[in-house]
């Protein structure tokens, strides 16, 4: 993925619509500042129980492993890396579930083009 495509994906917003047209969501297909700040509360408020469980479970596993294996000097950088991982990947995973599993569709042509760039093979 070239830097220009990455910049375009990062800066643009994707608008998706529920199959029945009742709900419309606009979000970044890559980075989620809310996930960086609020971690597992984001899927909780979105009522996304799958990723709420995954994020809460991974936080618990991470906390246990970090407490037992990681020296105190490295806890903060490792915790920051954990938060950055979810900040960059949660929206992408959520969009994949909504669009390719639950039948949500792009709301406009620009969103469809951005979706095709973000997920080239729809996988």
Protein backbone atom coordinates (compact mmCIF):
# COMPACT_ATOMS: atom_id res chain seq x y z
CA UNK A 1 0.00 0.00 0.00
CA UNK A 2 1.55 3.27 -1.06
CA UNK A 3 1.81 6.28 1.22
CA UNK A 4 -0.64 8.24 -0.95
CA UNK A 5 -3.34 5.59 -0.68
CA UNK A 6 -2.69 5.35 3.08
CA UNK A 7 -3.03 9.14 3.44
CA UNK A 8 -6.23 9.18 1.37
CA UNK A 9 -7.76 6.35 3.40
CA UNK A 10 -6.69 7.91 6.71
CA UNK A 11 -8.07 11.36 5.89
CA UNK A 12 -11.34 10.33 4.24
CA UNK A 13 -14.52 9.27 5.92
CA UNK A 14 -16.58 6.28 4.91
CA UNK A 15 -20.37 6.46 5.08
CA UNK A 16 -22.22 3.15 5.29
CA UNK A 17 -25.93 2.51 5.49
CA UNK A 18 -27.95 -0.31 7.05
CA UNK A 19 -29.59 -2.75 4.61
CA UNK A 20 -33.05 -1.34 5.35
CA UNK A 21 -31.81 2.27 5.15
CA UNK A 22 -32.73 3.01 8.76
CA UNK A 23 -29.26 3.76 10.06
CA UNK A 24 -26.26 5.60 8.58
CA UNK A 25 -22.75 5.63 10.08
CA UNK A 26 -19.81 7.83 9.09
CA UNK A 27 -16.35 6.83 10.24
CA UNK A 28 -12.72 6.54 9.29
CA UNK A 29 -11.85 3.21 7.70
CA UNK A 30 -8.47 3.15 9.43
CA UNK A 31 -7.88 5.09 12.63
CA UNK A 32 -10.21 5.58 15.59
CA UNK A 33 -9.25 8.28 18.06
CA UNK A 34 -12.19 7.24 20.26
CA UNK A 35 -10.83 3.69 20.46
CA UNK A 36 -7.42 5.07 21.38
CA UNK A 37 -8.94 7.08 24.21
CA UNK A 38 -11.73 4.79 25.44
CA UNK A 39 -10.61 1.30 24.33
CA UNK A 40 -13.28 -1.38 24.97
CA UNK A 41 -16.00 1.19 25.76
CA UNK A 42 -16.32 2.01 22.04
CA UNK A 43 -17.74 -1.40 21.05
CA UNK A 44 -19.84 -1.37 24.22
CA UNK A 45 -21.52 1.90 23.20
CA UNK A 46 -21.91 0.66 19.61
CA UNK A 47 -23.52 -2.52 20.99
CA UNK A 48 -20.89 -4.53 19.14
CA UNK A 49 -20.81 -7.44 21.58
CA UNK A 50 -18.36 -9.50 19.54
CA UNK A 51 -15.54 -6.95 19.66
CA UNK A 52 -16.48 -5.80 23.14
CA UNK A 53 -15.75 -9.36 24.32
CA UNK A 54 -12.61 -9.64 22.21
CA UNK A 55 -11.21 -6.31 23.40
CA UNK A 56 -12.11 -6.88 27.04
CA UNK A 57 -10.72 -10.41 26.94
CA UNK A 58 -7.53 -9.31 25.21
CA UNK A 59 -7.13 -6.50 27.75
CA UNK A 60 -7.44 -9.03 30.58
CA UNK A 61 -4.94 -11.41 28.94
CA UNK A 62 -2.62 -8.51 28.18
CA UNK A 63 -2.81 -7.27 31.79
CA UNK A 64 -2.00 -10.72 33.19
CA UNK A 65 0.91 -11.29 30.78
CA UNK A 66 2.21 -7.75 31.27
CA UNK A 67 2.08 -8.05 35.04
CA UNK A 68 3.89 -11.38 35.07
CA UNK A 69 6.41 -11.04 32.25
CA UNK A 70 7.12 -7.42 31.37
CA UNK A 71 9.50 -5.36 33.50
CA UNK A 72 8.02 -2.21 35.05
CA UNK A 73 10.13 0.05 32.83
CA UNK A 74 8.43 -1.31 29.69
CA UNK A 75 4.81 -1.43 30.87
CA UNK A 76 3.86 2.02 29.59
CA UNK A 77 5.32 1.60 26.06
CA UNK A 78 3.81 -1.87 25.74
CA UNK A 79 0.43 -0.59 26.95
CA UNK A 80 0.63 2.25 24.45
CA UNK A 81 1.39 -0.24 21.67
CA UNK A 82 -1.67 -2.28 22.73
CA UNK A 83 -3.89 0.83 22.55
CA UNK A 84 -2.44 1.88 19.19
CA UNK A 85 -3.11 -1.60 17.79
CA UNK A 86 -6.81 -1.35 18.63
CA UNK A 87 -6.99 2.30 17.50
CA UNK A 88 -5.76 1.32 14.04
CA UNK A 89 -7.62 -1.96 13.61
CA UNK A 90 -10.98 -1.71 15.40
CA UNK A 91 -12.79 0.44 12.80
CA UNK A 92 -11.42 -1.73 10.00
CA UNK A 93 -12.70 -4.89 11.69
CA UNK A 94 -16.04 -3.27 12.51
CA UNK A 95 -16.53 -2.13 8.91
CA UNK A 96 -15.70 -5.62 7.63
CA UNK A 97 -18.35 -7.11 9.90
CA UNK A 98 -21.00 -4.54 8.97
CA UNK A 99 -20.41 -4.36 5.23
CA UNK A 100 -19.38 -7.88 4.31
CA UNK A 101 -21.29 -9.87 6.95
CA UNK A 102 -24.33 -7.84 8.01
CA UNK A 103 -25.15 -6.44 4.56
CA UNK A 104 -24.50 -2.73 5.15
CA UNK A 105 -23.79 -0.81 1.92
CA UNK A 106 -21.82 2.31 1.03
CA UNK A 107 -24.11 5.35 1.16
CA UNK A 108 -22.54 7.12 -1.82
CA UNK A 109 -20.09 6.65 -4.70
CA UNK A 110 -17.17 8.23 -2.81
CA UNK A 111 -17.70 5.78 0.06
CA UNK A 112 -17.87 2.86 -2.36
CA UNK A 113 -14.59 3.93 -3.97
CA UNK A 114 -12.95 4.34 -0.55
CA UNK A 115 -14.30 0.95 0.55
CA UNK A 116 -12.85 -0.67 -2.58
CA UNK A 117 -9.44 0.93 -1.88
CA UNK A 118 -9.48 -0.07 1.79
CA UNK A 119 -10.63 -3.65 1.15
CA UNK A 120 -9.40 -4.46 -2.38
CA UNK A 121 -10.68 -8.04 -2.50
CA UNK A 122 -13.57 -7.56 -0.05
CA UNK A 123 -11.98 -10.01 2.34
